[in-house]
Amino acid sequence: MNRILPVTVLCAALAGCAAPAAQEGTPTTTATDATCDREVKTGSLMPTVRCRTAAEREADRKSAEGAADFVRRNNQVMQPGK
C-alpha cells in the first residue's frame, strides 16, 4: 500500500503534463472559424489559449478604442493649468 500511492501520484502528474501545447505565435483555425492564440495574463506566468471569432476580435478592438478615447478626453479636461 505504501508503494502504490507514490506511483499513482507520479502517473497522475505525468498524465497532466502530457497534454499537447499550442505553439506560441501560431494561430490555429477551428471548424467555427475562430482564431486561437496563447496569451499570458498580467500577473500570471501561466499561458492560456483564447479562441475568438472575427466578430469577437472586432468587438474587442472597438471596446479598446472606446476606452482609449475616454482616457484621452478626460486627460485633456483634468490637466492642471489649462
N, C-alpha and C. Protein backbone atom coordinates (compact mmCIF):
# COMPACT_ATOMS: atom_id res chain seq x y z
N MET A 1 0.83 -1.20 0.00
CA MET A 1 0.00 0.00 0.00
C MET A 1 0.87 1.25 0.00
N ASN A 2 1.97 1.23 0.72
CA ASN A 2 2.83 2.42 0.80
C ASN A 2 3.51 2.73 -0.52
N ARG A 3 3.72 1.72 -1.36
CA ARG A 3 4.38 1.94 -2.64
C ARG A 3 3.40 2.31 -3.75
N ILE A 4 2.15 1.98 -3.59
CA ILE A 4 1.16 2.24 -4.63
C ILE A 4 0.82 3.72 -4.71
N LEU A 5 0.71 4.39 -3.58
CA LEU A 5 0.33 5.80 -3.57
C LEU A 5 1.32 6.68 -4.32
N PRO A 6 2.63 6.60 -4.08
CA PRO A 6 3.56 7.46 -4.84
C PRO A 6 3.54 7.16 -6.34
N VAL A 7 3.39 5.90 -6.71
CA VAL A 7 3.35 5.56 -8.13
C VAL A 7 2.09 6.14 -8.77
N THR A 8 0.97 6.08 -8.06
CA THR A 8 -0.28 6.63 -8.58
C THR A 8 -0.17 8.15 -8.74
N VAL A 9 0.41 8.83 -7.77
CA VAL A 9 0.58 10.28 -7.85
C VAL A 9 1.51 10.65 -9.00
N LEU A 10 2.57 9.90 -9.18
CA LEU A 10 3.51 10.16 -10.27
C LEU A 10 2.83 9.98 -11.63
N CYS A 11 2.05 8.92 -11.78
CA CYS A 11 1.33 8.69 -13.04
C CYS A 11 0.33 9.81 -13.32
N ALA A 12 -0.37 10.26 -12.30
CA ALA A 12 -1.33 11.35 -12.48
C ALA A 12 -0.63 12.63 -12.88
N ALA A 13 0.50 12.91 -12.27
CA ALA A 13 1.26 14.13 -12.60
C ALA A 13 1.79 14.07 -14.03
N LEU A 14 2.29 12.93 -14.44
CA LEU A 14 2.80 12.81 -15.80
C LEU A 14 1.69 12.88 -16.84
N ALA A 15 0.54 12.34 -16.52
CA ALA A 15 -0.59 12.39 -17.45
C ALA A 15 -1.05 13.83 -17.63
N GLY A 16 -1.02 14.63 -16.57
CA GLY A 16 -1.41 16.04 -16.67
C GLY A 16 -0.44 16.85 -17.49
N CYS A 17 0.83 16.49 -17.49
CA CYS A 17 1.84 17.21 -18.25
C CYS A 17 1.91 16.76 -19.70
N ALA A 18 1.25 15.68 -20.05
CA ALA A 18 1.37 15.11 -21.38
C ALA A 18 0.46 15.78 -22.41
N ALA A 19 -0.36 16.74 -21.99
CA ALA A 19 -1.27 17.40 -22.93
C ALA A 19 -0.45 18.21 -23.93
N PRO A 20 -0.78 18.14 -25.23
CA PRO A 20 -0.02 18.89 -26.22
C PRO A 20 -0.27 20.38 -26.07
N ALA A 21 0.77 21.17 -26.19
CA ALA A 21 0.67 22.62 -26.04
C ALA A 21 0.66 23.26 -27.42
N ALA A 22 -0.12 24.32 -27.56
CA ALA A 22 -0.15 25.06 -28.81
C ALA A 22 1.16 25.83 -28.94
N GLN A 23 1.66 25.96 -30.15
CA GLN A 23 2.90 26.68 -30.33
C GLN A 23 2.64 28.18 -30.25
N GLU A 24 3.53 28.85 -29.59
CA GLU A 24 3.36 30.28 -29.37
C GLU A 24 3.50 31.05 -30.68
N GLY A 25 2.58 31.97 -30.89
CA GLY A 25 2.66 32.83 -32.05
C GLY A 25 2.06 32.26 -33.32
N THR A 26 1.57 31.03 -33.29
CA THR A 26 0.96 30.46 -34.48
C THR A 26 -0.52 30.24 -34.24
N PRO A 27 -1.36 31.13 -34.77
CA PRO A 27 -2.80 30.96 -34.59
C PRO A 27 -3.30 29.74 -35.36
N THR A 28 -4.30 29.10 -34.82
CA THR A 28 -4.91 27.95 -35.47
C THR A 28 -6.36 28.27 -35.76
N THR A 29 -6.93 27.60 -36.73
CA THR A 29 -8.33 27.83 -37.09
C THR A 29 -9.12 26.57 -36.79
N THR A 30 -10.27 26.74 -36.14
CA THR A 30 -11.13 25.61 -35.83
C THR A 30 -12.29 25.58 -36.82
N ALA A 31 -13.18 24.62 -36.65
CA ALA A 31 -14.31 24.47 -37.56
C ALA A 31 -15.27 25.66 -37.47
N THR A 32 -15.27 26.39 -36.36
CA THR A 32 -16.17 27.54 -36.20
C THR A 32 -15.53 28.83 -36.69
N ASP A 33 -14.40 28.73 -37.40
CA ASP A 33 -13.68 29.88 -37.94
C ASP A 33 -13.21 30.82 -36.83
N ALA A 34 -12.79 30.26 -35.72
CA ALA A 34 -12.23 31.05 -34.64
C ALA A 34 -10.72 30.94 -34.69
N THR A 35 -10.03 32.02 -34.34
CA THR A 35 -8.58 32.01 -34.28
C THR A 35 -8.16 31.90 -32.82
N CYS A 36 -7.24 30.99 -32.55
CA CYS A 36 -6.79 30.75 -31.18
C CYS A 36 -5.36 31.25 -31.02
N ASP A 37 -5.11 31.93 -29.91
CA ASP A 37 -3.78 32.45 -29.59
C ASP A 37 -3.45 32.13 -28.15
N ARG A 38 -2.17 31.96 -27.87
CA ARG A 38 -1.73 31.79 -26.48
C ARG A 38 -1.53 33.17 -25.88
N GLU A 39 -2.09 33.38 -24.70
CA GLU A 39 -1.97 34.67 -24.01
C GLU A 39 -1.50 34.44 -22.59
N VAL A 40 -0.67 35.34 -22.10
CA VAL A 40 -0.25 35.31 -20.71
C VAL A 40 -0.84 36.55 -20.06
N LYS A 41 -1.73 36.35 -19.10
CA LYS A 41 -2.39 37.48 -18.44
C LYS A 41 -1.40 38.19 -17.53
N THR A 42 -1.60 39.47 -17.34
CA THR A 42 -0.74 40.26 -16.47
C THR A 42 -0.80 39.72 -15.05
N GLY A 43 0.37 39.51 -14.47
CA GLY A 43 0.45 39.00 -13.11
C GLY A 43 0.45 37.48 -13.03
N SER A 44 0.49 36.81 -14.18
CA SER A 44 0.46 35.36 -14.19
C SER A 44 1.60 34.85 -15.06
N LEU A 45 2.07 33.66 -14.76
CA LEU A 45 3.09 33.03 -15.58
C LEU A 45 2.50 31.91 -16.43
N MET A 46 1.21 31.63 -16.24
CA MET A 46 0.56 30.51 -16.92
C MET A 46 -0.10 31.00 -18.21
N PRO A 47 0.37 30.53 -19.37
CA PRO A 47 -0.30 30.92 -20.61
C PRO A 47 -1.63 30.20 -20.76
N THR A 48 -2.59 30.86 -21.39
CA THR A 48 -3.88 30.25 -21.68
C THR A 48 -4.14 30.38 -23.17
N VAL A 49 -4.96 29.52 -23.70
CA VAL A 49 -5.34 29.57 -25.11
C VAL A 49 -6.70 30.24 -25.19
N ARG A 50 -6.80 31.29 -26.00
CA ARG A 50 -8.05 32.03 -26.14
C ARG A 50 -8.46 31.99 -27.61
N CYS A 51 -9.65 31.46 -27.86
CA CYS A 51 -10.17 31.37 -29.22
C CYS A 51 -11.30 32.39 -29.40
N ARG A 52 -11.20 33.18 -30.49
CA ARG A 52 -12.21 34.21 -30.75
C ARG A 52 -12.53 34.23 -32.23
N THR A 53 -13.76 34.56 -32.54
CA THR A 53 -14.17 34.72 -33.93
C THR A 53 -13.80 36.12 -34.39
N ALA A 54 -13.94 36.37 -35.68
CA ALA A 54 -13.61 37.69 -36.23
C ALA A 54 -14.50 38.77 -35.61
N ALA A 55 -15.77 38.45 -35.38
CA ALA A 55 -16.69 39.43 -34.78
C ALA A 55 -16.27 39.75 -33.34
N GLU A 56 -15.83 38.75 -32.59
CA GLU A 56 -15.39 38.99 -31.21
C GLU A 56 -14.11 39.81 -31.19
N ARG A 57 -13.19 39.55 -32.12
CA ARG A 57 -11.96 40.35 -32.19
C ARG A 57 -12.27 41.80 -32.53
N GLU A 58 -13.22 42.02 -33.44
CA GLU A 58 -13.62 43.38 -33.81
C GLU A 58 -14.29 44.09 -32.64
N ALA A 59 -15.12 43.38 -31.89
CA ALA A 59 -15.78 43.98 -30.72
C ALA A 59 -14.74 44.34 -29.66
N ASP A 60 -13.74 43.50 -29.46
CA ASP A 60 -12.66 43.80 -28.51
C ASP A 60 -11.87 45.02 -28.96
N ARG A 61 -11.61 45.13 -30.26
CA ARG A 61 -10.86 46.28 -30.78
C ARG A 61 -11.64 47.57 -30.58
N LYS A 62 -12.96 47.54 -30.87
CA LYS A 62 -13.79 48.73 -30.68
C LYS A 62 -13.88 49.12 -29.21
N SER A 63 -13.97 48.13 -28.33
CA SER A 63 -14.02 48.40 -26.90
C SER A 63 -12.73 49.06 -26.42
N ALA A 64 -11.60 48.56 -26.91
CA ALA A 64 -10.30 49.14 -26.52
C ALA A 64 -10.17 50.56 -27.06
N GLU A 65 -10.65 50.79 -28.28
CA GLU A 65 -10.62 52.15 -28.86
C GLU A 65 -11.47 53.10 -28.03
N GLY A 66 -12.66 52.65 -27.63
CA GLY A 66 -13.54 53.48 -26.82
C GLY A 66 -12.92 53.83 -25.48
N ALA A 67 -12.26 52.86 -24.86
CA ALA A 67 -11.60 53.11 -23.57
C ALA A 67 -10.45 54.10 -23.74
N ALA A 68 -9.68 53.97 -24.83
CA ALA A 68 -8.57 54.89 -25.07
C ALA A 68 -9.09 56.30 -25.34
N ASP A 69 -10.18 56.42 -26.09
CA ASP A 69 -10.77 57.74 -26.35
C ASP A 69 -11.27 58.38 -25.06
N PHE A 70 -11.89 57.59 -24.19
CA PHE A 70 -12.38 58.09 -22.91
C PHE A 70 -11.24 58.65 -22.08
N VAL A 71 -10.13 57.92 -22.03
CA VAL A 71 -8.97 58.37 -21.25
C VAL A 71 -8.40 59.65 -21.85
N ARG A 72 -8.29 59.69 -23.18
CA ARG A 72 -7.76 60.90 -23.83
C ARG A 72 -8.64 62.13 -23.55
N ARG A 73 -9.96 61.96 -23.66
CA ARG A 73 -10.87 63.10 -23.41
C ARG A 73 -10.77 63.58 -21.97
N ASN A 74 -10.79 62.66 -21.02
CA ASN A 74 -10.74 63.05 -19.61
C ASN A 74 -9.37 63.57 -19.21
N ASN A 75 -8.32 63.11 -19.85
CA ASN A 75 -6.99 63.59 -19.54
C ASN A 75 -6.84 65.05 -19.96
N GLN A 76 -7.44 65.44 -21.07
CA GLN A 76 -7.37 66.83 -21.52
C GLN A 76 -8.15 67.74 -20.60
N VAL A 77 -9.26 67.30 -20.08
CA VAL A 77 -10.12 68.11 -19.21
C VAL A 77 -9.46 68.30 -17.85
N MET A 78 -8.78 67.29 -17.33
CA MET A 78 -8.31 67.30 -15.97
C MET A 78 -6.87 67.82 -15.81
N GLN A 79 -6.23 68.26 -16.88
CA GLN A 79 -4.86 68.73 -16.76
C GLN A 79 -4.84 70.07 -16.02
N PRO A 80 -4.01 70.19 -15.01
CA PRO A 80 -3.94 71.44 -14.25
C PRO A 80 -3.31 72.55 -15.09
N GLY A 81 -3.78 73.77 -14.86
CA GLY A 81 -3.19 74.93 -15.52
C GLY A 81 -3.79 75.24 -16.88
N LYS A 82 -4.78 74.50 -17.29
CA LYS A 82 -5.39 74.79 -18.59
C LYS A 82 -6.82 75.20 -18.43
